[in-house]
Amino acid sequence: MERYLLGVSKQDIREQIWDYMESQNIADFPRPVHHRIPNFKGSYRACQNIKDLEVFARAQEVKVDPDKPLEGVRLLALQSKKMLLVPTPRLRTGLFNRITPPPGATKDVLRKCATSQGVRNYSVPVGLDSRVLVDLVVVGSVAVSEKGWRIGKGEGYADLEYAMMASMGAVSQGTPVVTIVHDCQVVDIPDVLVEDHDLTVDYILTPTRVITTGCTRPRPAGVMWSKVSCEMMGRIPILRSLRSREKQAGKDVTLQDEHQHAVETRSPHTAPPRPCDPPQPEGLHLGANTLRVALARQQRTRDLTGGRAGELHPVSQPSDL
């Protein structure tokens, strides 16, 4: 639900956060932070707060996203000799990589292992058959609320990664989820924007605060195939493998496009639902989220040029630095 009535959308919130972080020079390399999980000045200090969490102290296997502001958590996990799992960027070649520092690795080598280069050079792939039991999940965010609602950069990878982990039994409803953000990224997010496939968080770590959300909203118990497009299936091989397994197990794996086509072609005189088209060449994809964002921006343009029926609900201002 990217936009509700004349209210604020997820993309509106993203744009406000990105613009604010750039204008106030809170953003850090890589810049500009638009369309990214934003790195920020003080991210390393925010990461250090995870040492105060009992859930981190107990964890043996930790999944941490590859985003730049989470580099400090990846380093702490390696220094604490925990098994560190990092998702494959955009899930192109699999679900996880397990970071494996060389024997006797120095602190400098561990620092390198925690970077994006280290993820490429010091890792081994982890497949669907691996018996992984993740004790703690750490994700990046563009915005998050004290209720535990989370907004990512809009591509859905963190939500999908969690859903795939749930499908393979690597996480459960009790697996804690932590996010690392700047204080200005903690804002009010309308409840109506939160959907069933959205990942929520239990802890929010900022440079100045440790927030326990107390969130009890159930997380996805697996991949919601009706939310997955054929376009997404075409570019994520491991998703196709998981769908094939679940189909063999007798689960309903009807995709978003197939479901919509079936609804539109219920007349007995129309052709039966067609399967997913073959993957298009890179550069020709137009995902559903891209279309929603484009429509939202068109609506904002119309609003600014007159003729609107009402005002947008304001997003809470970022907190003082």
C-alpha atoms as a PDB file:
ATOM      1  CA  MET A   1       0.000   0.000   0.000  1.00  0.00           C
ATOM      2  CA  GLU A   2       2.382   2.667  -1.270  1.00  0.00           C
ATOM      3  CA  ARG A   3      -0.191   5.456  -0.873  1.00  0.00           C
ATOM      4  CA  TYR A   4      -3.459   5.564   1.078  1.00  0.00           C
ATOM      5  CA  LEU A   5      -6.166   8.063   0.216  1.00  0.00           C
ATOM      6  CA  LEU A   6      -4.445  11.455   0.238  1.00  0.00           C
ATOM      7  CA  GLY A   7      -2.046  10.415   2.984  1.00  0.00           C
ATOM      8  CA  VAL A   8       1.693  10.094   3.121  1.00  0.00           C
ATOM      9  CA  SER A   9       3.367   7.216   1.276  1.00  0.00           C
ATOM     10  CA  LYS A  10       6.433   5.159   2.066  1.00  0.00           C
ATOM     11  CA  GLN A  11       8.225   6.913  -0.767  1.00  0.00           C
ATOM     12  CA  ASP A  12       7.333  10.333   0.692  1.00  0.00           C
ATOM     13  CA  ILE A  13       8.985   9.288   3.955  1.00  0.00           C
ATOM     14  CA  ARG A  14      12.057   7.959   2.131  1.00  0.00           C
ATOM     15  CA  GLU A  15      12.480  11.178   0.181  1.00  0.00           C
ATOM     16  CA  GLN A  16      12.146  13.323   3.311  1.00  0.00           C
ATOM     17  CA  ILE A  17      14.768  11.286   5.161  1.00  0.00           C
ATOM     18  CA  TRP A  18      17.225  11.234   2.248  1.00  0.00           C
ATOM     19  CA  ASP A  19      16.788  14.973   1.601  1.00  0.00           C
ATOM     20  CA  TYR A  20      17.208  15.826   5.287  1.00  0.00           C
ATOM     21  CA  MET A  21      20.339  13.722   5.734  1.00  0.00           C
ATOM     22  CA  GLU A  22      21.963  15.310   2.685  1.00  0.00           C
ATOM     23  CA  SER A  23      20.929  18.896   3.497  1.00  0.00           C
ATOM     24  CA  GLN A  24      22.130  18.607   7.117  1.00  0.00           C
ATOM     25  CA  ASN A  25      25.366  16.858   6.072  1.00  0.00           C
ATOM     26  CA  ILE A  26      24.490  13.864   8.234  1.00  0.00           C
ATOM     27  CA  ALA A  27      25.036  11.559   5.268  1.00  0.00           C
ATOM     28  CA  ASP A  28      28.353   9.770   4.854  1.00  0.00           C
ATOM     29  CA  PHE A  29      30.045   7.832   2.042  1.00  0.00           C
ATOM     30  CA  PRO A  30      28.678   6.632  -0.330  1.00  0.00           C
ATOM     31  CA  ARG A  31      26.792   9.768  -1.345  1.00  0.00           C
ATOM     32  CA  PRO A  32      24.296  10.862  -2.354  1.00  0.00           C
ATOM     33  CA  VAL A  33      22.293   8.578  -0.087  1.00  0.00           C
ATOM     34  CA  HIS A  34      19.124   8.693  -2.194  1.00  0.00           C
ATOM     35  CA  HIS A  35      17.892   5.230  -3.217  1.00  0.00           C
ATOM     36  CA  ARG A  36      20.258   3.606  -0.680  1.00  0.00           C
ATOM     37  CA  ILE A  37      20.202   2.410   2.895  1.00  0.00           C
ATOM     38  CA  PRO A  38      21.882   5.644   3.982  1.00  0.00           C
ATOM     39  CA  ASN A  39      25.246   5.654   5.661  1.00  0.00           C
ATOM     40  CA  PHE A  40      25.620   8.388   8.247  1.00  0.00           C
ATOM     41  CA  LYS A  41      28.159  10.100  10.464  1.00  0.00           C
ATOM     42  CA  GLY A  42      28.160   8.211  13.761  1.00  0.00           C
ATOM     43  CA  SER A  43      27.185   4.847  12.293  1.00  0.00           C
ATOM     44  CA  TYR A  44      30.158   3.119  13.945  1.00  0.00           C
ATOM     45  CA  ARG A  45      29.115   4.542  17.330  1.00  0.00           C
ATOM     46  CA  ALA A  46      25.557   3.316  16.767  1.00  0.00           C
ATOM     47  CA  CYS A  47      26.881  -0.152  15.918  1.00  0.00           C
ATOM     48  CA  GLN A  48      28.807  -0.306  19.198  1.00  0.00           C
ATOM     49  CA  ASN A  49      25.527  -0.183  21.105  1.00  0.00           C
ATOM     50  CA  ILE A  50      24.765  -3.734  20.012  1.00  0.00           C
ATOM     51  CA  LYS A  51      27.317  -4.916  22.586  1.00  0.00           C
ATOM     52  CA  ASP A  52      24.813  -3.848  25.265  1.00  0.00           C
ATOM     53  CA  LEU A  53      22.130  -6.196  23.967  1.00  0.00           C
ATOM     54  CA  GLU A  54      21.789  -9.595  25.621  1.00  0.00           C
ATOM     55  CA  VAL A  55      20.483 -10.995  22.327  1.00  0.00           C
ATOM     56  CA  PHE A  56      23.848 -10.194  20.712  1.00  0.00           C
ATOM     57  CA  ALA A  57      25.846 -11.665  23.585  1.00  0.00           C
ATOM     58  CA  ARG A  58      23.903 -14.965  23.317  1.00  0.00           C
ATOM     59  CA  ALA A  59      23.908 -15.168  19.524  1.00  0.00           C
ATOM     60  CA  GLN A  60      26.183 -17.645  17.780  1.00  0.00           C
ATOM     61  CA  GLU A  61      25.012 -17.168  14.193  1.00  0.00           C
ATOM     62  CA  VAL A  62      24.281 -13.593  13.098  1.00  0.00           C
ATOM     63  CA  LYS A  63      22.878 -12.417   9.773  1.00  0.00           C
ATOM     64  CA  VAL A  64      23.899  -8.836   8.952  1.00  0.00           C
ATOM     65  CA  ASP A  65      22.963  -7.015   5.758  1.00  0.00           C
ATOM     66  CA  PRO A  66      25.828  -5.781   3.515  1.00  0.00           C
ATOM     67  CA  ASP A  67      24.926  -2.081   3.864  1.00  0.00           C
ATOM     68  CA  LYS A  68      27.750   0.335   4.695  1.00  0.00           C
ATOM     69  CA  PRO A  69      26.288   1.641   8.016  1.00  0.00           C
ATOM     70  CA  LEU A  70      26.246  -1.940   9.366  1.00  0.00           C
ATOM     71  CA  GLU A  71      29.982  -2.475   8.842  1.00  0.00           C
ATOM     72  CA  GLY A  72      30.668  -1.948  12.555  1.00  0.00           C
ATOM     73  CA  VAL A  73      28.262  -4.754  13.531  1.00  0.00           C
ATOM     74  CA  ARG A  74      29.855  -7.126  11.033  1.00  0.00           C
ATOM     75  CA  LEU A  75      33.258  -6.365  12.569  1.00  0.00           C
ATOM     76  CA  LEU A  76      31.977  -6.920  16.120  1.00  0.00           C
ATOM     77  CA  ALA A  77      30.473 -10.257  15.114  1.00  0.00           C
ATOM     78  CA  LEU A  78      33.805 -11.407  13.638  1.00  0.00           C
ATOM     79  CA  GLN A  79      35.788 -10.142  16.640  1.00  0.00           C
ATOM     80  CA  SER A  80      33.380 -12.029  18.925  1.00  0.00           C
ATOM     81  CA  LYS A  81      33.994 -15.203  16.848  1.00  0.00           C
ATOM     82  CA  LYS A  82      30.356 -15.510  15.843  1.00  0.00           C
ATOM     83  CA  MET A  83      29.331 -17.069  12.551  1.00  0.00           C
ATOM     84  CA  LEU A  84      28.629 -14.105  10.270  1.00  0.00           C
ATOM     85  CA  LEU A  85      26.160 -14.524   7.420  1.00  0.00           C
ATOM     86  CA  VAL A  86      25.798 -11.734   4.857  1.00  0.00           C
ATOM     87  CA  PRO A  87      23.116 -11.821   2.136  1.00  0.00           C
ATOM     88  CA  THR A  88      24.311 -11.927  -1.449  1.00  0.00           C
ATOM     89  CA  PRO A  89      23.777  -8.431  -2.914  1.00  0.00           C
ATOM     90  CA  ARG A  90      20.375  -8.401  -4.636  1.00  0.00           C
ATOM     91  CA  LEU A  91      20.325 -12.203  -4.165  1.00  0.00           C
ATOM     92  CA  ARG A  92      21.951 -12.611  -7.581  1.00  0.00           C
ATOM     93  CA  THR A  93      24.006 -15.703  -6.791  1.00  0.00           C
ATOM     94  CA  GLY A  94      22.318 -17.177  -3.720  1.00  0.00           C
ATOM     95  CA  LEU A  95      20.906 -16.263  -0.338  1.00  0.00           C
ATOM     96  CA  PHE A  96      23.879 -16.033   2.045  1.00  0.00           C
ATOM     97  CA  ASN A  97      27.627 -15.857   2.159  1.00  0.00           C
ATOM     98  CA  ARG A  98      29.370 -17.065   5.307  1.00  0.00           C
ATOM     99  CA  ILE A  99      32.334 -14.847   6.080  1.00  0.00           C
ATOM    100  CA  THR A 100      35.403 -16.979   6.812  1.00  0.00           C
ATOM    101  CA  PRO A 101      38.449 -14.974   7.939  1.00  0.00           C
ATOM    102  CA  PRO A 102      41.816 -16.673   7.382  1.00  0.00           C
ATOM    103  CA  PRO A 103      43.326 -18.496  10.389  1.00  0.00           C
ATOM    104  CA  GLY A 104      45.051 -16.122  12.781  1.00  0.00           C
ATOM    105  CA  ALA A 105      43.454 -13.070  11.168  1.00  0.00           C
ATOM    106  CA  THR A 106      44.642  -9.795  12.663  1.00  0.00           C
ATOM    107  CA  LYS A 107      42.303  -6.959  13.593  1.00  0.00           C
ATOM    108  CA  ASP A 108      43.139  -5.221  10.319  1.00  0.00           C
ATOM    109  CA  VAL A 109      42.229  -8.342   8.344  1.00  0.00           C
ATOM    110  CA  LEU A 110      38.960  -8.655  10.266  1.00  0.00           C
ATOM    111  CA  ARG A 111      38.188  -5.036   9.419  1.00  0.00           C
ATOM    112  CA  LYS A 112      38.704  -5.868   5.769  1.00  0.00           C
ATOM    113  CA  CYS A 113      36.486  -8.958   6.099  1.00  0.00           C
ATOM    114  CA  ALA A 114      33.682  -6.727   7.417  1.00  0.00           C
ATOM    115  CA  THR A 115      33.724  -4.512   4.294  1.00  0.00           C
ATOM    116  CA  SER A 116      31.959  -5.163   1.002  1.00  0.00           C
ATOM    117  CA  GLN A 117      35.311  -6.192  -0.471  1.00  0.00           C
ATOM    118  CA  GLY A 118      35.832  -8.651   2.372  1.00  0.00           C
ATOM    119  CA  VAL A 119      32.391 -10.148   1.791  1.00  0.00           C
ATOM    120  CA  ARG A 120      33.516 -10.899  -1.765  1.00  0.00           C
ATOM    121  CA  ASN A 121      37.003 -12.172  -0.914  1.00  0.00           C
ATOM    122  CA  TYR A 122      36.526 -14.043   2.380  1.00  0.00           C
ATOM    123  CA  SER A 123      33.237 -15.882   2.014  1.00  0.00           C
ATOM    124  CA  VAL A 124      31.668 -19.163   0.990  1.00  0.00           C
ATOM    125  CA  PRO A 125      28.090 -19.521  -0.288  1.00  0.00           C
ATOM    126  CA  VAL A 126      25.356 -20.971   1.894  1.00  0.00           C
ATOM    127  CA  GLY A 127      22.576 -22.768   0.004  1.00  0.00           C
ATOM    128  CA  LEU A 128      18.980 -23.709   0.744  1.00  0.00           C
ATOM    129  CA  ASP A 129      20.097 -27.123   2.028  1.00  0.00           C
ATOM    130  CA  SER A 130      22.431 -25.662   4.638  1.00  0.00           C
ATOM    131  CA  ARG A 131      21.371 -26.224   8.204  1.00  0.00           C
ATOM    132  CA  VAL A 132      21.531 -22.620   9.315  1.00  0.00           C
ATOM    133  CA  LEU A 133      19.857 -21.409  12.502  1.00  0.00           C
ATOM    134  CA  VAL A 134      20.142 -17.636  12.725  1.00  0.00           C
ATOM    135  CA  ASP A 135      20.086 -16.279  16.285  1.00  0.00           C
ATOM    136  CA  LEU A 136      20.003 -12.575  15.391  1.00  0.00           C
ATOM    137  CA  VAL A 137      19.070 -10.554  12.290  1.00  0.00           C
ATOM    138  CA  VAL A 138      20.540  -7.071  11.700  1.00  0.00           C
ATOM    139  CA  VAL A 139      19.081  -4.973   8.890  1.00  0.00           C
ATOM    140  CA  GLY A 140      19.524  -1.482   7.509  1.00  0.00           C
ATOM    141  CA  SER A 141      16.617   0.936   7.200  1.00  0.00           C
ATOM    142  CA  VAL A 142      15.720   4.242   5.591  1.00  0.00           C
ATOM    143  CA  ALA A 143      13.153   4.979   8.286  1.00  0.00           C
ATOM    144  CA  VAL A 144      11.883   3.225  11.382  1.00  0.00           C
ATOM    145  CA  SER A 145       9.337   3.990  14.089  1.00  0.00           C
ATOM    146  CA  GLU A 146       9.486   3.347  17.813  1.00  0.00           C
ATOM    147  CA  LYS A 147       6.629   0.881  17.278  1.00  0.00           C
ATOM    148  CA  GLY A 148       8.999  -1.259  15.215  1.00  0.00           C
ATOM    149  CA  TRP A 149       7.641  -0.391  11.767  1.00  0.00           C
ATOM    150  CA  ARG A 150      10.414  -0.310   9.170  1.00  0.00           C
ATOM    151  CA  ILE A 151      10.806   1.217   5.705  1.00  0.00           C
ATOM    152  CA  GLY A 152      13.670   0.096   3.470  1.00  0.00           C
ATOM    153  CA  LYS A 153      14.860   1.640   0.232  1.00  0.00           C
ATOM    154  CA  GLY A 154      11.886   0.259  -1.657  1.00  0.00           C
ATOM    155  CA  GLU A 155      13.220  -2.831  -3.418  1.00  0.00           C
ATOM    156  CA  GLY A 156      11.971  -5.366  -0.873  1.00  0.00           C
ATOM    157  CA  TYR A 157      15.174  -7.394  -0.471  1.00  0.00           C
ATOM    158  CA  ALA A 158      15.314  -7.357   3.346  1.00  0.00           C
ATOM    159  CA  ASP A 159      11.680  -8.495   3.516  1.00  0.00           C
ATOM    160  CA  LEU A 160      12.318 -11.217   0.945  1.00  0.00           C
ATOM    161  CA  GLU A 161      15.533 -12.407   2.616  1.00  0.00           C
ATOM    162  CA  TYR A 162      13.719 -12.805   5.929  1.00  0.00           C
ATOM    163  CA  ALA A 163      10.812 -14.615   4.269  1.00  0.00           C
ATOM    164  CA  MET A 164      13.214 -17.021   2.562  1.00  0.00           C
ATOM    165  CA  MET A 165      15.013 -17.651   5.850  1.00  0.00           C
ATOM    166  CA  ALA A 166      11.644 -18.401   7.453  1.00  0.00           C
ATOM    167  CA  SER A 167      10.797 -20.816   4.621  1.00  0.00           C
ATOM    168  CA  MET A 168      14.031 -22.744   5.148  1.00  0.00           C
ATOM    169  CA  GLY A 169      13.600 -22.783   8.938  1.00  0.00           C
ATOM    170  CA  ALA A 170      16.588 -20.519   9.612  1.00  0.00           C
ATOM    171  CA  VAL A 171      14.519 -18.028  11.654  1.00  0.00           C
ATOM    172  CA  SER A 172      11.352 -18.158  13.738  1.00  0.00           C
ATOM    173  CA  GLN A 173       8.938 -15.609  15.155  1.00  0.00           C
ATOM    174  CA  GLY A 174      11.184 -15.388  18.210  1.00  0.00           C
ATOM    175  CA  THR A 175      14.355 -14.471  16.296  1.00  0.00           C
ATOM    176  CA  PRO A 176      15.188 -10.868  17.280  1.00  0.00           C
ATOM    177  CA  VAL A 177      15.625  -8.236  14.571  1.00  0.00           C
ATOM    178  CA  VAL A 178      17.837  -5.154  15.065  1.00  0.00           C
ATOM    179  CA  THR A 179      18.265  -2.080  12.884  1.00  0.00           C
ATOM    180  CA  ILE A 180      20.999   0.579  12.945  1.00  0.00           C
ATOM    181  CA  VAL A 181      19.965   4.143  12.031  1.00  0.00           C
ATOM    182  CA  HIS A 182      20.682   7.799  12.750  1.00  0.00           C
ATOM    183  CA  ASP A 183      18.407   9.517  15.264  1.00  0.00           C
ATOM    184  CA  CYS A 184      16.778  11.521  12.472  1.00  0.00           C
ATOM    185  CA  GLN A 185      15.605   8.287  10.821  1.00  0.00           C
ATOM    186  CA  VAL A 186      13.362   7.462  13.792  1.00  0.00           C
ATOM    187  CA  VAL A 187      10.005   8.933  12.770  1.00  0.00           C
ATOM    188  CA  ASP A 188       6.280   8.247  12.995  1.00  0.00           C
ATOM    189  CA  ILE A 189       5.142   5.751  10.347  1.00  0.00           C
ATOM    190  CA  PRO A 190       1.353   5.408   9.867  1.00  0.00           C
ATOM    191  CA  ASP A 191       0.124   1.947  10.810  1.00  0.00           C
ATOM    192  CA  VAL A 192      -1.820   1.680   7.549  1.00  0.00           C
ATOM    193  CA  LEU A 193       1.432   1.621   5.557  1.00  0.00           C
ATOM    194  CA  VAL A 194       2.577  -1.619   7.214  1.00  0.00           C
ATOM    195  CA  GLU A 195       1.764  -4.705   5.127  1.00  0.00           C
ATOM    196  CA  ASP A 196       1.806  -8.415   5.939  1.00  0.00           C
ATOM    197  CA  HIS A 197       5.096  -9.024   4.109  1.00  0.00           C
ATOM    198  CA  ASP A 198       6.919  -6.130   5.825  1.00  0.00           C
ATOM    199  CA  LEU A 199       9.727  -6.927   8.245  1.00  0.00           C
ATOM    200  CA  THR A 200       9.400  -5.312  11.677  1.00  0.00           C
ATOM    201  CA  VAL A 201      12.182  -4.728  14.229  1.00  0.00           C
ATOM    202  CA  ASP A 202      12.642  -5.376  17.946  1.00  0.00           C
ATOM    203  CA  TYR A 203      15.576  -3.040  18.619  1.00  0.00           C
ATOM    204  CA  ILE A 204      16.630   0.302  17.122  1.00  0.00           C
ATOM    205  CA  LEU A 205      20.217   1.417  17.697  1.00  0.00           C
ATOM    206  CA  THR A 206      21.212   5.033  17.043  1.00  0.00           C
ATOM    207  CA  PRO A 207      24.363   6.941  18.026  1.00  0.00           C
ATOM    208  CA  THR A 208      22.561   8.161  21.179  1.00  0.00           C
ATOM    209  CA  ARG A 209      19.801   5.635  21.942  1.00  0.00           C
ATOM    210  CA  VAL A 210      18.914   1.982  22.338  1.00  0.00           C
ATOM    211  CA  ILE A 211      15.172   1.597  21.674  1.00  0.00           C
ATOM    212  CA  THR A 212      13.250  -1.563  22.529  1.00  0.00           C
ATOM    213  CA  THR A 213      10.124  -1.477  20.376  1.00  0.00           C
ATOM    214  CA  GLY A 214       8.097  -4.202  22.061  1.00  0.00           C
ATOM    215  CA  CYS A 215       6.663  -5.008  18.632  1.00  0.00           C
ATOM    216  CA  THR A 216       4.359  -8.052  18.654  1.00  0.00           C
ATOM    217  CA  ARG A 217       3.147  -7.940  15.040  1.00  0.00           C
ATOM    218  CA  PRO A 218       3.741 -11.377  13.457  1.00  0.00           C
ATOM    219  CA  ARG A 219       6.484 -11.499  10.847  1.00  0.00           C
ATOM    220  CA  PRO A 220       6.174 -13.410   7.574  1.00  0.00           C
ATOM    221  CA  ALA A 221       6.297 -17.176   8.115  1.00  0.00           C
ATOM    222  CA  GLY A 222       7.548 -17.704   4.573  1.00  0.00           C
ATOM    223  CA  VAL A 223       7.517 -16.225   1.104  1.00  0.00           C
ATOM    224  CA  MET A 224       4.154 -14.730   0.144  1.00  0.00           C
ATOM    225  CA  TRP A 225       4.214 -15.817  -3.486  1.00  0.00           C
ATOM    226  CA  SER A 226       1.200 -13.687  -4.360  1.00  0.00           C
ATOM    227  CA  LYS A 227       3.428 -10.649  -3.669  1.00  0.00           C
ATOM    228  CA  VAL A 228       6.258 -11.899  -5.938  1.00  0.00           C
ATOM    229  CA  SER A 229       6.284 -10.782  -9.571  1.00  0.00           C
ATOM    230  CA  CYS A 230       7.475 -12.735 -12.591  1.00  0.00           C
ATOM    231  CA  GLU A 231      10.052  -9.988 -13.106  1.00  0.00           C
ATOM    232  CA  MET A 232      11.495 -10.665  -9.653  1.00  0.00           C
ATOM    233  CA  MET A 233      11.520 -14.410 -10.268  1.00  0.00           C
ATOM    234  CA  GLY A 234      13.468 -13.831 -13.468  1.00  0.00           C
ATOM    235  CA  ARG A 235      16.369 -12.108 -11.740  1.00  0.00           C
ATOM    236  CA  ILE A 236      16.644 -14.163  -8.512  1.00  0.00           C
ATOM    237  CA  PRO A 237      17.624 -17.784  -9.289  1.00  0.00           C
ATOM    238  CA  ILE A 238      17.453 -18.967  -5.669  1.00  0.00           C
ATOM    239  CA  LEU A 239      13.871 -17.734  -5.479  1.00  0.00           C
ATOM    240  CA  ARG A 240      12.996 -19.968  -8.424  1.00  0.00           C
ATOM    241  CA  SER A 241      14.614 -22.918  -6.655  1.00  0.00           C
ATOM    242  CA  LEU A 242      12.651 -22.280  -3.468  1.00  0.00           C
ATOM    243  CA  ARG A 243       9.392 -21.927  -5.393  1.00  0.00           C
ATOM    244  CA  SER A 244      10.022 -25.245  -7.151  1.00  0.00           C
ATOM    245  CA  ARG A 245      10.547 -26.974  -3.794  1.00  0.00           C
ATOM    246  CA  GLU A 246       7.438 -25.482  -2.260  1.00  0.00           C
ATOM    247  CA  LYS A 247       5.385 -26.354  -5.328  1.00  0.00           C
ATOM    248  CA  GLN A 248       6.518 -29.981  -5.029  1.00  0.00           C
ATOM    249  CA  ALA A 249       5.498 -29.852  -1.359  1.00  0.00           C
ATOM    250  CA  GLY A 250       1.961 -28.942  -2.440  1.00  0.00           C
ATOM    251  CA  LYS A 251       1.984 -25.274  -1.418  1.00  0.00           C
ATOM    252  CA  ASP A 252       0.193 -22.539  -3.347  1.00  0.00           C
ATOM    253  CA  VAL A 253       2.953 -20.729  -5.248  1.00  0.00           C
ATOM    254  CA  THR A 254       0.766 -18.634  -7.569  1.00  0.00           C
ATOM    255  CA  LEU A 255       2.669 -15.459  -8.397  1.00  0.00           C
ATOM    256  CA  GLN A 256       1.358 -11.911  -8.339  1.00  0.00           C
ATOM    257  CA  ASP A 257       1.136 -11.653 -12.137  1.00  0.00           C
ATOM    258  CA  GLU A 258      -0.495 -15.079 -12.485  1.00  0.00           C
ATOM    259  CA  HIS A 259      -3.052 -14.296  -9.778  1.00  0.00           C
ATOM    260  CA  GLN A 260      -3.965 -10.960 -11.365  1.00  0.00           C
ATOM    261  CA  HIS A 261      -4.251 -12.550 -14.801  1.00  0.00           C
ATOM    262  CA  ALA A 262      -6.507 -15.296 -13.415  1.00  0.00           C
ATOM    263  CA  VAL A 263      -8.832 -12.717 -11.863  1.00  0.00           C
ATOM    264  CA  GLU A 264      -8.979 -10.741 -15.102  1.00  0.00           C
ATOM    265  CA  THR A 265      -9.720 -13.805 -17.264  1.00  0.00           C
ATOM    266  CA  ARG A 266     -12.533 -15.559 -15.424  1.00  0.00           C
ATOM    267  CA  SER A 267     -14.781 -15.420 -18.490  1.00  0.00           C
ATOM    268  CA  PRO A 268     -15.079 -18.909 -20.103  1.00  0.00           C
ATOM    269  CA  HIS A 269     -14.374 -17.332 -23.504  1.00  0.00           C
ATOM    270  CA  THR A 270     -10.956 -16.022 -22.547  1.00  0.00           C
ATOM    271  CA  ALA A 271      -7.635 -17.804 -22.612  1.00  0.00           C
ATOM    272  CA  PRO A 272      -6.375 -19.570 -19.455  1.00  0.00           C
ATOM    273  CA  PRO A 273      -3.839 -17.803 -17.221  1.00  0.00           C
ATOM    274  CA  ARG A 274      -0.456 -17.713 -18.846  1.00  0.00           C
ATOM    275  CA  PRO A 275       2.718 -18.618 -16.955  1.00  0.00           C
ATOM    276  CA  CYS A 276       5.506 -16.160 -16.278  1.00  0.00           C
ATOM    277  CA  ASP A 277       7.176 -14.827 -19.375  1.00  0.00           C
ATOM    278  CA  PRO A 278      10.865 -15.662 -19.854  1.00  0.00           C
ATOM    279  CA  PRO A 279      13.222 -13.273 -18.063  1.00  0.00           C
ATOM    280  CA  GLN A 280      13.856 -10.057 -19.965  1.00  0.00           C
ATOM    281  CA  PRO A 281      17.384  -8.825 -20.664  1.00  0.00           C
ATOM    282  CA  GLU A 282      18.957  -6.691 -17.969  1.00  0.00           C
ATOM    283  CA  GLY A 283      17.921  -3.069 -18.210  1.00  0.00           C
ATOM    284  CA  LEU A 284      14.381  -3.771 -19.451  1.00  0.00           C
ATOM    285  CA  HIS A 285      12.799  -4.592 -16.094  1.00  0.00           C
ATOM    286  CA  LEU A 286      10.056  -2.350 -14.715  1.00  0.00           C
ATOM    287  CA  GLY A 287       9.045  -3.752 -11.353  1.00  0.00           C
ATOM    288  CA  ALA A 288       5.746  -3.068  -9.641  1.00  0.00           C
ATOM    289  CA  ASN A 289       7.454  -0.942  -7.006  1.00  0.00           C
ATOM    290  CA  THR A 290       9.086   1.220  -9.685  1.00  0.00           C
ATOM    291  CA  LEU A 291       5.666   1.817 -11.199  1.00  0.00           C
ATOM    292  CA  ARG A 292       4.135   2.715  -7.831  1.00  0.00           C
ATOM    293  CA  VAL A 293       6.904   5.224  -7.141  1.00  0.00           C
ATOM    294  CA  ALA A 294       6.433   6.779 -10.590  1.00  0.00           C
ATOM    295  CA  LEU A 295       2.688   7.118  -9.994  1.00  0.00           C
ATOM    296  CA  ALA A 296       3.299   8.631  -6.561  1.00  0.00           C
ATOM    297  CA  ARG A 297       5.634  11.198  -8.062  1.00  0.00           C
ATOM    298  CA  GLN A 298       3.066  12.033 -10.759  1.00  0.00           C
ATOM    299  CA  GLN A 299       0.484  12.580  -8.021  1.00  0.00           C
ATOM    300  CA  ARG A 300       2.868  14.874  -6.140  1.00  0.00           C
ATOM    301  CA  THR A 301       3.459  16.872  -9.318  1.00  0.00           C
ATOM    302  CA  ARG A 302      -0.283  17.292  -9.826  1.00  0.00           C
ATOM    303  CA  ASP A 303      -0.641  18.384  -6.216  1.00  0.00           C
ATOM    304  CA  LEU A 304       2.043  21.029  -6.586  1.00  0.00           C
ATOM    305  CA  THR A 305       0.436  22.414  -9.743  1.00  0.00           C
ATOM    306  CA  GLY A 306      -3.063  22.703  -8.281  1.00  0.00           C
ATOM    307  CA  GLY A 307      -6.292  20.735  -8.456  1.00  0.00           C
ATOM    308  CA  ARG A 308      -5.793  18.551  -5.376  1.00  0.00           C
ATOM    309  CA  ALA A 309      -8.731  17.457  -3.283  1.00  0.00           C
ATOM    310  CA  GLY A 310      -6.899  17.573   0.050  1.00  0.00           C
ATOM    311  CA  GLU A 311      -3.596  18.029   1.800  1.00  0.00           C
ATOM    312  CA  LEU A 312      -0.984  15.366   2.488  1.00  0.00           C
ATOM    313  CA  HIS A 313      -0.680  14.292   6.103  1.00  0.00           C
ATOM    314  CA  PRO A 314       2.639  15.612   7.440  1.00  0.00           C
ATOM    315  CA  VAL A 315       5.421  13.225   8.367  1.00  0.00           C
ATOM    316  CA  SER A 316       6.828  13.853  11.837  1.00  0.00           C
ATOM    317  CA  GLN A 317       9.942  15.987  11.635  1.00  0.00           C
ATOM    318  CA  PRO A 318      13.253  14.229  12.194  1.00  0.00           C
ATOM    319  CA  SER A 319      14.321  14.472  15.798  1.00  0.00           C
ATOM    320  CA  ASP A 320      16.905  17.001  16.886  1.00  0.00           C
ATOM    321  CA  LEU A 321      20.496  15.980  16.366  1.00  0.00           C
END
